[in-house]
Amino acid sequence: MEQINTEKFDELLKGEKPVVCDFFATWCGPCKMLAPVMEQMSAEYGGKAEFVKVDIDENMELAARYGIMSIPLVAVFKGGEAVDKSLGYCSKSEMKEFLDKNL
């Protein structure tokens, strides 16, 4: 999964494909636990959506724009709008269920 900045994020939102974004921070333990789950989901669902990650410490304006107060937060964007989000660590099966519902 590519780590991107606000500019690249805004570019992706204009595209046709849904965007699945993992908002994280390098110091966040649950974020580190979720990273391998998201890598697997990216490999499995890569054809259906763009999978990216955004460090909220490096992109504070993006975190503020979406009111992100807690991490890890995985959000699904379609047509430039956030359609659903998953907060906190979740297992591979829980993330699969979340993505199946939203992609």
PDB file of N, CA and C in Angstrom:
ATOM      1  N   MET A   1       0.842  -1.182   0.000  1.00  0.00           N
ATOM      2  CA  MET A   1       0.000   0.000   0.000  1.00  0.00           C
ATOM      3  C   MET A   1       0.879   1.234   0.000  1.00  0.00           C
ATOM      4  N   GLU A   2       0.538   2.148  -0.872  1.00  0.00           N
ATOM      5  CA  GLU A   2       1.324   3.374  -0.982  1.00  0.00           C
ATOM      6  C   GLU A   2       0.909   4.372   0.099  1.00  0.00           C
ATOM      7  N   GLN A   3       1.905   4.993   0.736  1.00  0.00           N
ATOM      8  CA  GLN A   3       1.631   6.075   1.675  1.00  0.00           C
ATOM      9  C   GLN A   3       1.607   7.361   0.869  1.00  0.00           C
ATOM     10  N   ILE A   4       0.515   8.121   0.988  1.00  0.00           N
ATOM     11  CA  ILE A   4       0.350   9.318   0.155  1.00  0.00           C
ATOM     12  C   ILE A   4       0.136  10.562   1.011  1.00  0.00           C
ATOM     13  N   ASN A   5       0.210  11.722   0.324  1.00  0.00           N
ATOM     14  CA  ASN A   5      -0.040  12.996   0.993  1.00  0.00           C
ATOM     15  C   ASN A   5      -1.412  13.540   0.576  1.00  0.00           C
ATOM     16  N   THR A   6      -1.767  14.688   1.112  1.00  0.00           N
ATOM     17  CA  THR A   6      -3.070  15.299   0.859  1.00  0.00           C
ATOM     18  C   THR A   6      -3.306  15.540  -0.629  1.00  0.00           C
ATOM     19  N   GLU A   7      -2.288  16.040  -1.319  1.00  0.00           N
ATOM     20  CA  GLU A   7      -2.406  16.350  -2.749  1.00  0.00           C
ATOM     21  C   GLU A   7      -2.764  15.097  -3.560  1.00  0.00           C
ATOM     22  N   LYS A   8      -2.024  14.022  -3.333  1.00  0.00           N
ATOM     23  CA  LYS A   8      -2.256  12.758  -4.036  1.00  0.00           C
ATOM     24  C   LYS A   8      -3.633  12.181  -3.654  1.00  0.00           C
ATOM     25  N   PHE A   9      -4.014  12.324  -2.392  1.00  0.00           N
ATOM     26  CA  PHE A   9      -5.308  11.850  -1.914  1.00  0.00           C
ATOM     27  C   PHE A   9      -6.437  12.549  -2.676  1.00  0.00           C
ATOM     28  N   ASP A  10      -6.354  13.878  -2.775  1.00  0.00           N
ATOM     29  CA  ASP A  10      -7.383  14.651  -3.484  1.00  0.00           C
ATOM     30  C   ASP A  10      -7.462  14.244  -4.951  1.00  0.00           C
ATOM     31  N   GLU A  11      -6.312  13.932  -5.540  1.00  0.00           N
ATOM     32  CA  GLU A  11      -6.254  13.472  -6.933  1.00  0.00           C
ATOM     33  C   GLU A  11      -7.000  12.137  -7.087  1.00  0.00           C
ATOM     34  N   LEU A  12      -6.724  11.202  -6.171  1.00  0.00           N
ATOM     35  CA  LEU A  12      -7.363   9.880  -6.225  1.00  0.00           C
ATOM     36  C   LEU A  12      -8.875   9.973  -6.087  1.00  0.00           C
ATOM     37  N   LEU A  13      -9.343  10.895  -5.241  1.00  0.00           N
ATOM     38  CA  LEU A  13     -10.787  11.028  -5.027  1.00  0.00           C
ATOM     39  C   LEU A  13     -11.521  11.431  -6.305  1.00  0.00           C
ATOM     40  N   LYS A  14     -10.813  12.063  -7.236  1.00  0.00           N
ATOM     41  CA  LYS A  14     -11.424  12.489  -8.502  1.00  0.00           C
ATOM     42  C   LYS A  14     -11.549  11.331  -9.490  1.00  0.00           C
ATOM     43  N   GLY A  15     -10.869  10.227  -9.206  1.00  0.00           N
ATOM     44  CA  GLY A  15     -10.875   9.082 -10.114  1.00  0.00           C
ATOM     45  C   GLY A  15     -12.167   8.288 -10.059  1.00  0.00           C
ATOM     46  N   GLU A  16     -12.253   7.294 -10.928  1.00  0.00           N
ATOM     47  CA  GLU A  16     -13.441   6.447 -11.036  1.00  0.00           C
ATOM     48  C   GLU A  16     -13.515   5.390  -9.939  1.00  0.00           C
ATOM     49  N   LYS A  17     -12.336   4.902  -9.538  1.00  0.00           N
ATOM     50  CA  LYS A  17     -12.275   3.805  -8.567  1.00  0.00           C
ATOM     51  C   LYS A  17     -12.552   4.294  -7.147  1.00  0.00           C
ATOM     52  N   PRO A  18     -13.237   3.466  -6.345  1.00  0.00           N
ATOM     53  CA  PRO A  18     -13.362   3.814  -4.919  1.00  0.00           C
ATOM     54  C   PRO A  18     -11.961   3.861  -4.287  1.00  0.00           C
ATOM     55  N   VAL A  19     -11.831   4.622  -3.216  1.00  0.00           N
ATOM     56  CA  VAL A  19     -10.560   4.741  -2.503  1.00  0.00           C
ATOM     57  C   VAL A  19     -10.755   4.209  -1.084  1.00  0.00           C
ATOM     58  N   VAL A  20      -9.881   3.288  -0.683  1.00  0.00           N
ATOM     59  CA  VAL A  20      -9.872   2.788   0.691  1.00  0.00           C
ATOM     60  C   VAL A  20      -8.624   3.365   1.337  1.00  0.00           C
ATOM     61  N   CYS A  21      -8.838   4.204   2.353  1.00  0.00           N
ATOM     62  CA  CYS A  21      -7.713   4.898   2.979  1.00  0.00           C
ATOM     63  C   CYS A  21      -7.570   4.499   4.441  1.00  0.00           C
ATOM     64  N   ASP A  22      -6.360   4.091   4.785  1.00  0.00           N
ATOM     65  CA  ASP A  22      -6.002   3.761   6.165  1.00  0.00           C
ATOM     66  C   ASP A  22      -5.320   4.991   6.764  1.00  0.00           C
ATOM     67  N   PHE A  23      -6.036   5.698   7.642  1.00  0.00           N
ATOM     68  CA  PHE A  23      -5.461   6.849   8.338  1.00  0.00           C
ATOM     69  C   PHE A  23      -4.750   6.312   9.578  1.00  0.00           C
ATOM     70  N   PHE A  24      -3.448   6.624   9.717  1.00  0.00           N
ATOM     71  CA  PHE A  24      -2.635   6.038  10.775  1.00  0.00           C
ATOM     72  C   PHE A  24      -1.601   7.039  11.277  1.00  0.00           C
ATOM     73  N   ALA A  25      -0.839   6.614  12.295  1.00  0.00           N
ATOM     74  CA  ALA A  25       0.333   7.362  12.757  1.00  0.00           C
ATOM     75  C   ALA A  25       1.415   6.350  13.104  1.00  0.00           C
ATOM     76  N   THR A  26       2.658   6.741  12.929  1.00  0.00           N
ATOM     77  CA  THR A  26       3.775   5.812  13.148  1.00  0.00           C
ATOM     78  C   THR A  26       3.879   5.353  14.603  1.00  0.00           C
ATOM     79  N   TRP A  27       3.425   6.168  15.550  1.00  0.00           N
ATOM     80  CA  TRP A  27       3.519   5.851  16.979  1.00  0.00           C
ATOM     81  C   TRP A  27       2.362   4.991  17.489  1.00  0.00           C
ATOM     82  N   CYS A  28       1.373   4.719  16.651  1.00  0.00           N
ATOM     83  CA  CYS A  28       0.120   4.062  17.056  1.00  0.00           C
ATOM     84  C   CYS A  28       0.240   2.534  16.998  1.00  0.00           C
ATOM     85  N   GLY A  29       0.161   1.882  18.149  1.00  0.00           N
ATOM     86  CA  GLY A  29       0.262   0.417  18.227  1.00  0.00           C
ATOM     87  C   GLY A  29      -0.802  -0.313  17.411  1.00  0.00           C
ATOM     88  N   PRO A  30      -2.097   0.011  17.615  1.00  0.00           N
ATOM     89  CA  PRO A  30      -3.142  -0.666  16.828  1.00  0.00           C
ATOM     90  C   PRO A  30      -2.974  -0.440  15.317  1.00  0.00           C
ATOM     91  N   CYS A  31      -2.425   0.720  14.932  1.00  0.00           N
ATOM     92  CA  CYS A  31      -2.178   1.000  13.509  1.00  0.00           C
ATOM     93  C   CYS A  31      -1.158   0.003  12.952  1.00  0.00           C
ATOM     94  N   LYS A  32      -0.109  -0.265  13.752  1.00  0.00           N
ATOM     95  CA  LYS A  32       0.920  -1.217  13.328  1.00  0.00           C
ATOM     96  C   LYS A  32       0.343  -2.620  13.213  1.00  0.00           C
ATOM     97  N   MET A  33      -0.597  -2.955  14.092  1.00  0.00           N
ATOM     98  CA  MET A  33      -1.246  -4.273  14.039  1.00  0.00           C
ATOM     99  C   MET A  33      -2.155  -4.393  12.807  1.00  0.00           C
ATOM    100  N   LEU A  34      -2.786  -3.281  12.429  1.00  0.00           N
ATOM    101  CA  LEU A  34      -3.716  -3.291  11.296  1.00  0.00           C
ATOM    102  C   LEU A  34      -2.988  -3.306   9.949  1.00  0.00           C
ATOM    103  N   ALA A  35      -1.758  -2.789   9.901  1.00  0.00           N
ATOM    104  CA  ALA A  35      -1.018  -2.652   8.633  1.00  0.00           C
ATOM    105  C   ALA A  35      -0.957  -3.954   7.820  1.00  0.00           C
ATOM    106  N   PRO A  36      -0.588  -5.115   8.407  1.00  0.00           N
ATOM    107  CA  PRO A  36      -0.541  -6.341   7.595  1.00  0.00           C
ATOM    108  C   PRO A  36      -1.918  -6.779   7.096  1.00  0.00           C
ATOM    109  N   VAL A  37      -2.948  -6.507   7.882  1.00  0.00           N
ATOM    110  CA  VAL A  37      -4.324  -6.828   7.455  1.00  0.00           C
ATOM    111  C   VAL A  37      -4.659  -6.005   6.216  1.00  0.00           C
ATOM    112  N   MET A  38      -4.317  -4.710   6.251  1.00  0.00           N
ATOM    113  CA  MET A  38      -4.620  -3.832   5.115  1.00  0.00           C
ATOM    114  C   MET A  38      -3.794  -4.204   3.883  1.00  0.00           C
ATOM    115  N   GLU A  39      -2.557  -4.655   4.095  1.00  0.00           N
ATOM    116  CA  GLU A  39      -1.730  -5.111   2.966  1.00  0.00           C
ATOM    117  C   GLU A  39      -2.406  -6.302   2.278  1.00  0.00           C
ATOM    118  N   GLN A  40      -2.926  -7.237   3.071  1.00  0.00           N
ATOM    119  CA  GLN A  40      -3.613  -8.413   2.515  1.00  0.00           C
ATOM    120  C   GLN A  40      -4.882  -7.993   1.764  1.00  0.00           C
ATOM    121  N   MET A  41      -5.620  -7.054   2.348  1.00  0.00           N
ATOM    122  CA  MET A  41      -6.858  -6.587   1.708  1.00  0.00           C
ATOM    123  C   MET A  41      -6.545  -5.874   0.395  1.00  0.00           C
ATOM    124  N   SER A  42      -5.449  -5.118   0.393  1.00  0.00           N
ATOM    125  CA  SER A  42      -5.024  -4.420  -0.811  1.00  0.00           C
ATOM    126  C   SER A  42      -4.719  -5.419  -1.926  1.00  0.00           C
ATOM    127  N   ALA A  43      -4.047  -6.508  -1.574  1.00  0.00           N
ATOM    128  CA  ALA A  43      -3.719  -7.544  -2.557  1.00  0.00           C
ATOM    129  C   ALA A  43      -4.989  -8.229  -3.061  1.00  0.00           C
ATOM    130  N   GLU A  44      -5.917  -8.485  -2.153  1.00  0.00           N
ATOM    131  CA  GLU A  44      -7.142  -9.205  -2.494  1.00  0.00           C
ATOM    132  C   GLU A  44      -8.166  -8.349  -3.246  1.00  0.00           C
ATOM    133  N   TYR A  45      -8.300  -7.083  -2.847  1.00  0.00           N
ATOM    134  CA  TYR A  45      -9.341  -6.213  -3.407  1.00  0.00           C
ATOM    135  C   TYR A  45      -8.773  -5.124  -4.325  1.00  0.00           C
ATOM    136  N   GLY A  46      -7.487  -5.217  -4.649  1.00  0.00           N
ATOM    137  CA  GLY A  46      -6.823  -4.177  -5.434  1.00  0.00           C
ATOM    138  C   GLY A  46      -7.502  -3.832  -6.743  1.00  0.00           C
ATOM    139  N   GLY A  47      -8.173  -4.794  -7.369  1.00  0.00           N
ATOM    140  CA  GLY A  47      -8.857  -4.529  -8.627  1.00  0.00           C
ATOM    141  C   GLY A  47     -10.124  -3.715  -8.453  1.00  0.00           C
ATOM    142  N   LYS A  48     -10.669  -3.720  -7.238  1.00  0.00           N
ATOM    143  CA  LYS A  48     -11.944  -3.038  -6.979  1.00  0.00           C
ATOM    144  C   LYS A  48     -11.784  -1.613  -6.471  1.00  0.00           C
ATOM    145  N   ALA A  49     -10.608  -1.310  -5.896  1.00  0.00           N
ATOM    146  CA  ALA A  49     -10.415   0.009  -5.281  1.00  0.00           C
ATOM    147  C   ALA A  49      -8.931   0.353  -5.195  1.00  0.00           C
ATOM    148  N   GLU A  50      -8.669   1.636  -4.982  1.00  0.00           N
ATOM    149  CA  GLU A  50      -7.309   2.103  -4.712  1.00  0.00           C
ATOM    150  C   GLU A  50      -7.103   1.998  -3.204  1.00  0.00           C
ATOM    151  N   PHE A  51      -6.057   1.320  -2.772  1.00  0.00           N
ATOM    152  CA  PHE A  51      -5.747   1.203  -1.348  1.00  0.00           C
ATOM    153  C   PHE A  51      -4.545   2.078  -1.036  1.00  0.00           C
ATOM    154  N   VAL A  52      -4.723   2.997  -0.090  1.00  0.00           N
ATOM    155  CA  VAL A  52      -3.649   3.915   0.281  1.00  0.00           C
ATOM    156  C   VAL A  52      -3.640   4.118   1.795  1.00  0.00           C
ATOM    157  N   LYS A  53      -2.531   4.687   2.286  1.00  0.00           N
ATOM    158  CA  LYS A  53      -2.472   5.032   3.702  1.00  0.00           C
ATOM    159  C   LYS A  53      -1.986   6.462   3.848  1.00  0.00           C
ATOM    160  N   VAL A  54      -2.516   7.150   4.866  1.00  0.00           N
ATOM    161  CA  VAL A  54      -2.181   8.546   5.109  1.00  0.00           C
ATOM    162  C   VAL A  54      -1.750   8.693   6.567  1.00  0.00           C
ATOM    163  N   ASP A  55      -0.541   9.229   6.764  1.00  0.00           N
ATOM    164  CA  ASP A  55      -0.044   9.516   8.103  1.00  0.00           C
ATOM    165  C   ASP A  55      -0.687  10.819   8.563  1.00  0.00           C
ATOM    166  N   ILE A  56      -1.515  10.738   9.611  1.00  0.00           N
ATOM    167  CA  ILE A  56      -2.249  11.941  10.029  1.00  0.00           C
ATOM    168  C   ILE A  56      -1.333  13.008  10.625  1.00  0.00           C
ATOM    169  N   ASP A  57      -0.159  12.623  11.140  1.00  0.00           N
ATOM    170  CA  ASP A  57       0.775  13.609  11.678  1.00  0.00           C
ATOM    171  C   ASP A  57       1.409  14.442  10.562  1.00  0.00           C
ATOM    172  N   GLU A  58       1.570  13.834   9.391  1.00  0.00           N
ATOM    173  CA  GLU A  58       2.161  14.553   8.251  1.00  0.00           C
ATOM    174  C   GLU A  58       1.101  15.255   7.405  1.00  0.00           C
ATOM    175  N   ASN A  59      -0.170  14.897   7.600  1.00  0.00           N
ATOM    176  CA  ASN A  59      -1.268  15.455   6.799  1.00  0.00           C
ATOM    177  C   ASN A  59      -2.406  15.887   7.723  1.00  0.00           C
ATOM    178  N   MET A  60      -2.089  16.786   8.646  1.00  0.00           N
ATOM    179  CA  MET A  60      -3.054  17.198   9.669  1.00  0.00           C
ATOM    180  C   MET A  60      -4.306  17.843   9.085  1.00  0.00           C
ATOM    181  N   GLU A  61      -4.131  18.577   7.987  1.00  0.00           N
ATOM    182  CA  GLU A  61      -5.296  19.245   7.393  1.00  0.00           C
ATOM    183  C   GLU A  61      -6.290  18.221   6.845  1.00  0.00           C
ATOM    184  N   LEU A  62      -5.788  17.096   6.369  1.00  0.00           N
ATOM    185  CA  LEU A  62      -6.666  16.031   5.863  1.00  0.00           C
ATOM    186  C   LEU A  62      -7.409  15.369   7.027  1.00  0.00           C
ATOM    187  N   ALA A  63      -6.707  15.122   8.113  1.00  0.00           N
ATOM    188  CA  ALA A  63      -7.337  14.556   9.309  1.00  0.00           C
ATOM    189  C   ALA A  63      -8.416  15.507   9.825  1.00  0.00           C
ATOM    190  N   ALA A  64      -8.126  16.798   9.819  1.00  0.00           N
ATOM    191  CA  ALA A  64      -9.097  17.796  10.283  1.00  0.00           C
ATOM    192  C   ALA A  64     -10.305  17.848   9.351  1.00  0.00           C
ATOM    193  N   ARG A  65     -10.064  17.752   8.046  1.00  0.00           N
ATOM    194  CA  ARG A  65     -11.141  17.816   7.056  1.00  0.00           C
ATOM    195  C   ARG A  65     -12.187  16.729   7.309  1.00  0.00           C
ATOM    196  N   TYR A  66     -11.727  15.547   7.686  1.00  0.00           N
ATOM    197  CA  TYR A  66     -12.653  14.424   7.909  1.00  0.00           C
ATOM    198  C   TYR A  66     -12.935  14.176   9.385  1.00  0.00           C
ATOM    199  N   GLY A  67     -12.510  15.096  10.241  1.00  0.00           N
ATOM    200  CA  GLY A  67     -12.812  15.000  11.666  1.00  0.00           C
ATOM    201  C   GLY A  67     -12.239  13.758  12.334  1.00  0.00           C
ATOM    202  N   ILE A  68     -11.055  13.359  11.919  1.00  0.00           N
ATOM    203  CA  ILE A  68     -10.451  12.141  12.471  1.00  0.00           C
ATOM    204  C   ILE A  68      -9.831  12.457  13.828  1.00  0.00           C
ATOM    205  N   MET A  69     -10.413  11.861  14.862  1.00  0.00           N
ATOM    206  CA  MET A  69      -9.952  12.073  16.234  1.00  0.00           C
ATOM    207  C   MET A  69      -9.263  10.833  16.787  1.00  0.00           C
ATOM    208  N   SER A  70      -9.598   9.664  16.235  1.00  0.00           N
ATOM    209  CA  SER A  70      -9.032   8.395  16.712  1.00  0.00           C
ATOM    210  C   SER A  70      -8.529   7.596  15.520  1.00  0.00           C
ATOM    211  N   ILE A  71      -7.468   6.819  15.756  1.00  0.00           N
ATOM    212  CA  ILE A  71      -6.898   5.975  14.707  1.00  0.00           C
ATOM    213  C   ILE A  71      -6.603   4.605  15.295  1.00  0.00           C
ATOM    214  N   PRO A  72      -6.422   3.576  14.486  1.00  0.00           N
ATOM    215  CA  PRO A  72      -6.526   3.598  13.026  1.00  0.00           C
ATOM    216  C   PRO A  72      -7.975   3.771  12.577  1.00  0.00           C
ATOM    217  N   LEU A  73      -8.118   4.463  11.464  1.00  0.00           N
ATOM    218  CA  LEU A  73      -9.433   4.647  10.865  1.00  0.00           C
ATOM    219  C   LEU A  73      -9.314   4.324   9.379  1.00  0.00           C
ATOM    220  N   VAL A  74     -10.109   3.360   8.931  1.00  0.00           N
ATOM    221  CA  VAL A  74     -10.138   2.993   7.519  1.00  0.00           C
ATOM    222  C   VAL A  74     -11.439   3.548   6.947  1.00  0.00           C
ATOM    223  N   ALA A  75     -11.311   4.379   5.920  1.00  0.00           N
ATOM    224  CA  ALA A  75     -12.490   4.994   5.304  1.00  0.00           C
ATOM    225  C   ALA A  75     -12.578   4.599   3.837  1.00  0.00           C
ATOM    226  N   VAL A  76     -13.820   4.397   3.384  1.00  0.00           N
ATOM    227  CA  VAL A  76     -14.075   4.096   1.978  1.00  0.00           C
ATOM    228  C   VAL A  76     -14.700   5.343   1.350  1.00  0.00           C
ATOM    229  N   PHE A  77     -14.114   5.784   0.247  1.00  0.00           N
ATOM    230  CA  PHE A  77     -14.596   6.958  -0.469  1.00  0.00           C
ATOM    231  C   PHE A  77     -15.093   6.545  -1.846  1.00  0.00           C
ATOM    232  N   LYS A  78     -16.277   7.027  -2.209  1.00  0.00           N
ATOM    233  CA  LYS A  78     -16.822   6.800  -3.555  1.00  0.00           C
ATOM    234  C   LYS A  78     -17.310   8.131  -4.084  1.00  0.00           C
ATOM    235  N   GLY A  79     -16.959   8.430  -5.321  1.00  0.00           N
ATOM    236  CA  GLY A  79     -17.380   9.698  -5.916  1.00  0.00           C
ATOM    237  C   GLY A  79     -16.900  10.895  -5.110  1.00  0.00           C
ATOM    238  N   GLY A  80     -15.736  10.746  -4.467  1.00  0.00           N
ATOM    239  CA  GLY A  80     -15.165  11.844  -3.703  1.00  0.00           C
ATOM    240  C   GLY A  80     -15.716  12.006  -2.294  1.00  0.00           C
ATOM    241  N   GLU A  81     -16.705  11.177  -1.929  1.00  0.00           N
ATOM    242  CA  GLU A  81     -17.331  11.295  -0.610  1.00  0.00           C
ATOM    243  C   GLU A  81     -17.049  10.068   0.246  1.00  0.00           C
ATOM    244  N   ALA A  82     -16.883  10.284   1.558  1.00  0.00           N
ATOM    245  CA  ALA A  82     -16.708   9.166   2.493  1.00  0.00           C
ATOM    246  C   ALA A  82     -18.059   8.464   2.640  1.00  0.00           C
ATOM    247  N   VAL A  83     -18.097   7.153   2.361  1.00  0.00           N
ATOM    248  CA  VAL A  83     -19.358   6.407   2.470  1.00  0.00           C
ATOM    249  C   VAL A  83     -19.438   5.568   3.733  1.00  0.00           C
ATOM    250  N   ASP A  84     -18.291   5.169   4.285  1.00  0.00           N
ATOM    251  CA  ASP A  84     -18.299   4.395   5.520  1.00  0.00           C
ATOM    252  C   ASP A  84     -16.902   4.390   6.112  1.00  0.00           C
ATOM    253  N   LYS A  85     -16.833   4.095   7.416  1.00  0.00           N
ATOM    254  CA  LYS A  85     -15.512   4.015   8.049  1.00  0.00           C
ATOM    255  C   LYS A  85     -15.507   2.948   9.133  1.00  0.00           C
ATOM    256  N   SER A  86     -14.313   2.433   9.359  1.00  0.00           N
ATOM    257  CA  SER A  86     -14.091   1.420  10.381  1.00  0.00           C
ATOM    258  C   SER A  86     -13.032   1.970  11.325  1.00  0.00           C
ATOM    259  N   LEU A  87     -13.366   2.051  12.615  1.00  0.00           N
ATOM    260  CA  LEU A  87     -12.464   2.650  13.592  1.00  0.00           C
ATOM    261  C   LEU A  87     -11.831   1.579  14.461  1.00  0.00           C
ATOM    262  N   GLY A  88     -10.525   1.701  14.660  1.00  0.00           N
ATOM    263  CA  GLY A  88      -9.803   0.773  15.529  1.00  0.00           C
ATOM    264  C   GLY A  88      -9.311  -0.451  14.782  1.00  0.00           C
ATOM    265  N   TYR A  89      -8.567  -1.281  15.507  1.00  0.00           N
ATOM    266  CA  TYR A  89      -8.057  -2.516  14.908  1.00  0.00           C
ATOM    267  C   TYR A  89      -9.210  -3.464  14.632  1.00  0.00           C
ATOM    268  N   CYS A  90      -9.141  -4.168  13.515  1.00  0.00           N
ATOM    269  CA  CYS A  90     -10.091  -5.252  13.264  1.00  0.00           C
ATOM    270  C   CYS A  90      -9.363  -6.389  12.556  1.00  0.00           C
ATOM    271  N   SER A  91      -9.897  -7.582  12.727  1.00  0.00           N
ATOM    272  CA  SER A  91      -9.273  -8.772  12.148  1.00  0.00           C
ATOM    273  C   SER A  91      -9.463  -8.783  10.635  1.00  0.00           C
ATOM    274  N   LYS A  92      -8.774  -9.708   9.990  1.00  0.00           N
ATOM    275  CA  LYS A  92      -8.892  -9.853   8.549  1.00  0.00           C
ATOM    276  C   LYS A  92     -10.337 -10.143   8.154  1.00  0.00           C
ATOM    277  N   SER A  93     -11.008 -11.036   8.889  1.00  0.00           N
ATOM    278  CA  SER A  93     -12.393 -11.383   8.537  1.00  0.00           C
ATOM    279  C   SER A  93     -13.335 -10.191   8.737  1.00  0.00           C
ATOM    280  N   GLU A  94     -13.096  -9.388   9.790  1.00  0.00           N
ATOM    281  CA  GLU A  94     -13.928  -8.200  10.011  1.00  0.00           C
ATOM    282  C   GLU A  94     -13.698  -7.163   8.915  1.00  0.00           C
ATOM    283  N   MET A  95     -12.435  -6.989   8.505  1.00  0.00           N
ATOM    284  CA  MET A  95     -12.130  -6.021   7.450  1.00  0.00           C
ATOM    285  C   MET A  95     -12.714  -6.489   6.123  1.00  0.00           C
ATOM    286  N   LYS A  96     -12.662  -7.796   5.876  1.00  0.00           N
ATOM    287  CA  LYS A  96     -13.242  -8.373   4.657  1.00  0.00           C
ATOM    288  C   LYS A  96     -14.741  -8.073   4.594  1.00  0.00           C
ATOM    289  N   GLU A  97     -15.414  -8.261   5.715  1.00  0.00           N
ATOM    290  CA  GLU A  97     -16.849  -8.002   5.812  1.00  0.00           C
ATOM    291  C   GLU A  97     -17.147  -6.521   5.540  1.00  0.00           C
ATOM    292  N   PHE A  98     -16.332  -5.637   6.133  1.00  0.00           N
ATOM    293  CA  PHE A  98     -16.477  -4.193   5.940  1.00  0.00           C
ATOM    294  C   PHE A  98     -16.308  -3.826   4.453  1.00  0.00           C
ATOM    295  N   LEU A  99     -15.277  -4.388   3.808  1.00  0.00           N
ATOM    296  CA  LEU A  99     -15.023  -4.073   2.397  1.00  0.00           C
ATOM    297  C   LEU A  99     -16.084  -4.677   1.485  1.00  0.00           C
ATOM    298  N   ASP A 100     -16.521  -5.896   1.783  1.00  0.00           N
ATOM    299  CA  ASP A 100     -17.577  -6.520   0.967  1.00  0.00           C
ATOM    300  C   ASP A 100     -18.840  -5.675   0.985  1.00  0.00           C
ATOM    301  N   LYS A 101     -19.131  -5.068   2.119  1.00  0.00           N
ATOM    302  CA  LYS A 101     -20.321  -4.238   2.275  1.00  0.00           C
ATOM    303  C   LYS A 101     -20.193  -2.925   1.504  1.00  0.00           C
ATOM    304  N   ASN A 102     -18.950  -2.424   1.364  1.00  0.00           N
ATOM    305  CA  ASN A 102     -18.760  -1.075   0.833  1.00  0.00           C
ATOM    306  C   ASN A 102     -18.168  -0.974  -0.572  1.00  0.00           C
ATOM    307  N   LEU A 103     -17.679  -2.083  -1.136  1.00  0.00           N
ATOM    308  CA  LEU A 103     -17.077  -1.995  -2.473  1.00  0.00           C
ATOM    309  C   LEU A 103     -17.962  -2.653  -3.516  1.00  0.00           C
TER     310      LEU A 103
END
